[in-house]
Amino acid sequence: MREQGSRERTYTISELAAEFDTSPRAIRYYEERGLLKPRRTAGNQRVYTRRDRRRLKLILRGKRLGFSLDEIAEMIGAPDADMNEAEQIRRSLAHGRARLEEIARRKAELAELEQDILATMERLEAALHRLLEEGDPHEPR
């Protein structure tokens, strides 16, 4: 962490990577995707502000919750856009609702699949029981 002349706290890519347990490469990738836009020093080193740090935290939280980078970009806006917090929340809520609907749909599909498998296993167990009682001619004795 560094304090610049304007007293704004800044971070290096290594500091952010260590703090958020991610790689510098991942942070550079988020920059390539347009999610972060750090300033550069005269020597072309990246300098991250508190705002960049907050955005990285949101990006990583979104990834942890299963959102794509495109969805995250829509929720948090471009780094140089001045999207207000209310709009970020509205977009995040919309994506959250959509994700919950998708989860509910998947859960219903999995429950149906589970019932199909259980019914099939029950029929197979009954068939096996009948075969063993009748004496399957193919079953070794």
Protein backbone atom coordinates (compact mmCIF):
# COMPACT_ATOMS: atom_id res chain seq x y z
CA MET A 1 0.00 0.00 0.00
CA ARG A 2 1.22 3.42 -0.81
CA GLU A 3 0.12 6.95 -0.12
CA GLN A 4 0.52 9.30 -3.05
CA GLY A 5 0.94 13.03 -2.85
CA SER A 6 -2.85 13.45 -2.91
CA ARG A 7 -3.01 11.17 0.14
CA GLU A 8 -4.97 8.60 -1.86
CA ARG A 9 -4.08 5.07 -0.88
CA THR A 10 -2.89 2.95 -3.78
CA TYR A 11 -2.03 -0.70 -4.22
CA THR A 12 0.28 -2.72 -6.41
CA ILE A 13 -0.98 -5.70 -8.34
CA SER A 14 0.98 -7.99 -6.00
CA GLU A 15 -0.64 -6.45 -2.93
CA LEU A 16 -4.14 -6.94 -4.33
CA ALA A 17 -3.36 -10.47 -5.49
CA ALA A 18 -2.12 -11.39 -2.01
CA GLU A 19 -5.01 -9.69 -0.22
CA PHE A 20 -7.67 -11.41 -2.32
CA ASP A 21 -5.83 -14.72 -2.76
CA THR A 22 -5.83 -14.48 -6.52
CA SER A 23 -3.10 -14.22 -9.11
CA PRO A 24 -1.68 -11.10 -10.71
CA ARG A 25 -2.48 -12.78 -14.01
CA ALA A 26 -6.18 -12.95 -13.10
CA ILE A 27 -6.16 -9.26 -12.20
CA ARG A 28 -4.47 -8.42 -15.51
CA TYR A 29 -7.13 -10.51 -17.28
CA TYR A 30 -9.90 -8.51 -15.59
CA GLU A 31 -8.15 -5.41 -16.88
CA GLU A 32 -8.02 -6.87 -20.41
CA ARG A 33 -11.75 -7.59 -20.17
CA GLY A 34 -12.38 -3.95 -19.28
CA LEU A 35 -13.45 -4.58 -15.67
CA LEU A 36 -10.50 -2.72 -14.12
CA LYS A 37 -8.62 0.30 -15.35
CA PRO A 38 -5.61 1.00 -13.14
CA ARG A 39 -3.49 4.07 -13.60
CA ARG A 40 0.09 3.66 -14.77
CA THR A 41 3.30 5.06 -13.38
CA ALA A 42 5.91 6.72 -15.57
CA GLY A 43 7.57 3.29 -15.64
CA ASN A 44 4.28 1.74 -16.88
CA GLN A 45 3.55 -0.11 -13.62
CA ARG A 46 -0.07 -0.56 -12.65
CA VAL A 47 -1.33 1.53 -9.73
CA TYR A 48 -4.65 0.52 -8.20
CA THR A 49 -6.84 2.90 -6.22
CA ARG A 50 -9.36 2.14 -3.49
CA ARG A 51 -12.04 2.21 -6.20
CA ASP A 52 -10.10 -0.43 -8.18
CA ARG A 53 -9.81 -2.49 -5.01
CA ARG A 54 -13.58 -2.28 -4.42
CA ARG A 55 -14.25 -3.27 -8.02
CA LEU A 56 -11.89 -6.25 -7.73
CA LYS A 57 -13.69 -7.32 -4.58
CA LEU A 58 -17.03 -7.15 -6.45
CA ILE A 59 -15.60 -9.06 -9.41
CA LEU A 60 -14.30 -11.85 -7.19
CA ARG A 61 -17.56 -12.00 -5.23
CA GLY A 62 -19.49 -12.25 -8.50
CA LYS A 63 -17.22 -15.06 -9.71
CA ARG A 64 -17.66 -16.89 -6.40
CA LEU A 65 -21.44 -16.64 -6.83
CA GLY A 66 -21.18 -18.15 -10.31
CA PHE A 67 -21.70 -15.09 -12.47
CA SER A 68 -19.86 -14.76 -15.77
CA LEU A 69 -17.51 -11.85 -16.35
CA ASP A 70 -20.02 -10.41 -18.83
CA GLU A 71 -22.73 -10.50 -16.15
CA ILE A 72 -20.35 -8.96 -13.61
CA ALA A 73 -19.44 -6.21 -16.09
CA GLU A 74 -23.11 -5.43 -16.58
CA MET A 75 -23.69 -5.31 -12.82
CA ILE A 76 -20.77 -3.06 -11.91
CA GLY A 77 -20.47 -1.03 -15.10
CA ALA A 78 -17.33 0.08 -16.89
CA PRO A 79 -14.44 1.24 -14.70
CA ASP A 80 -14.51 4.73 -16.14
CA ALA A 81 -18.31 5.03 -16.03
CA ASP A 82 -19.81 6.78 -13.07
CA MET A 83 -22.60 4.30 -12.36
CA ASN A 84 -24.26 5.12 -9.09
CA GLU A 85 -24.59 2.57 -6.33
CA ALA A 86 -28.37 2.32 -6.67
CA GLU A 87 -28.03 1.29 -10.33
CA GLN A 88 -25.36 -1.28 -9.42
CA ILE A 89 -27.71 -2.71 -6.80
CA ARG A 90 -30.65 -2.81 -9.24
CA ARG A 91 -28.59 -4.66 -11.82
CA SER A 92 -27.15 -7.03 -9.22
CA LEU A 93 -30.63 -7.81 -7.91
CA ALA A 94 -31.88 -8.55 -11.43
CA HIS A 95 -28.97 -10.91 -12.06
CA GLY A 96 -29.41 -12.49 -8.63
CA ARG A 97 -33.10 -13.16 -9.31
CA ALA A 98 -32.28 -14.68 -12.68
CA ARG A 99 -29.61 -16.87 -11.09
CA LEU A 100 -32.04 -18.05 -8.38
CA GLU A 101 -34.61 -18.93 -11.05
CA GLU A 102 -31.97 -20.95 -12.88
CA ILE A 103 -31.01 -22.74 -9.65
CA ALA A 104 -34.67 -23.55 -8.93
CA ARG A 105 -35.07 -24.94 -12.45
CA ARG A 106 -31.95 -27.08 -12.10
CA LYS A 107 -33.07 -28.34 -8.68
CA ALA A 108 -36.43 -29.40 -10.16
CA GLU A 109 -34.66 -31.18 -13.03
CA LEU A 110 -32.31 -32.94 -10.59
CA ALA A 111 -35.21 -34.00 -8.35
CA GLU A 112 -36.99 -35.46 -11.39
CA LEU A 113 -33.82 -37.25 -12.47
CA GLU A 114 -33.36 -38.61 -8.94
CA GLN A 115 -36.92 -40.00 -8.97
CA ASP A 116 -36.34 -41.60 -12.40
CA ILE A 117 -33.15 -43.27 -11.19
CA LEU A 118 -34.79 -44.51 -7.98
CA ALA A 119 -37.75 -45.94 -9.92
CA THR A 120 -35.43 -47.65 -12.40
CA MET A 121 -33.32 -49.11 -9.58
CA GLU A 122 -36.46 -50.38 -7.85
CA ARG A 123 -37.58 -52.15 -11.05
CA LEU A 124 -34.10 -53.61 -11.56
CA GLU A 125 -33.91 -54.85 -7.98
CA ALA A 126 -37.34 -56.50 -8.34
CA ALA A 127 -36.27 -58.13 -11.62
CA LEU A 128 -33.07 -59.39 -10.03
CA HIS A 129 -34.98 -60.76 -7.04
CA ARG A 130 -37.40 -62.62 -9.37
CA LEU A 131 -34.55 -64.05 -11.40
CA LEU A 132 -32.74 -65.28 -8.30
CA GLU A 133 -35.91 -66.86 -6.91
CA GLU A 134 -36.80 -68.55 -10.21
CA GLY A 135 -33.23 -69.62 -10.82
CA ASP A 136 -31.72 -67.76 -13.75
CA PRO A 137 -30.23 -70.31 -16.14
CA HIS A 138 -27.43 -67.88 -16.92
CA GLU A 139 -26.57 -67.28 -13.24
CA PRO A 140 -23.56 -69.38 -12.12
CA ARG A 141 -24.34 -71.87 -9.38
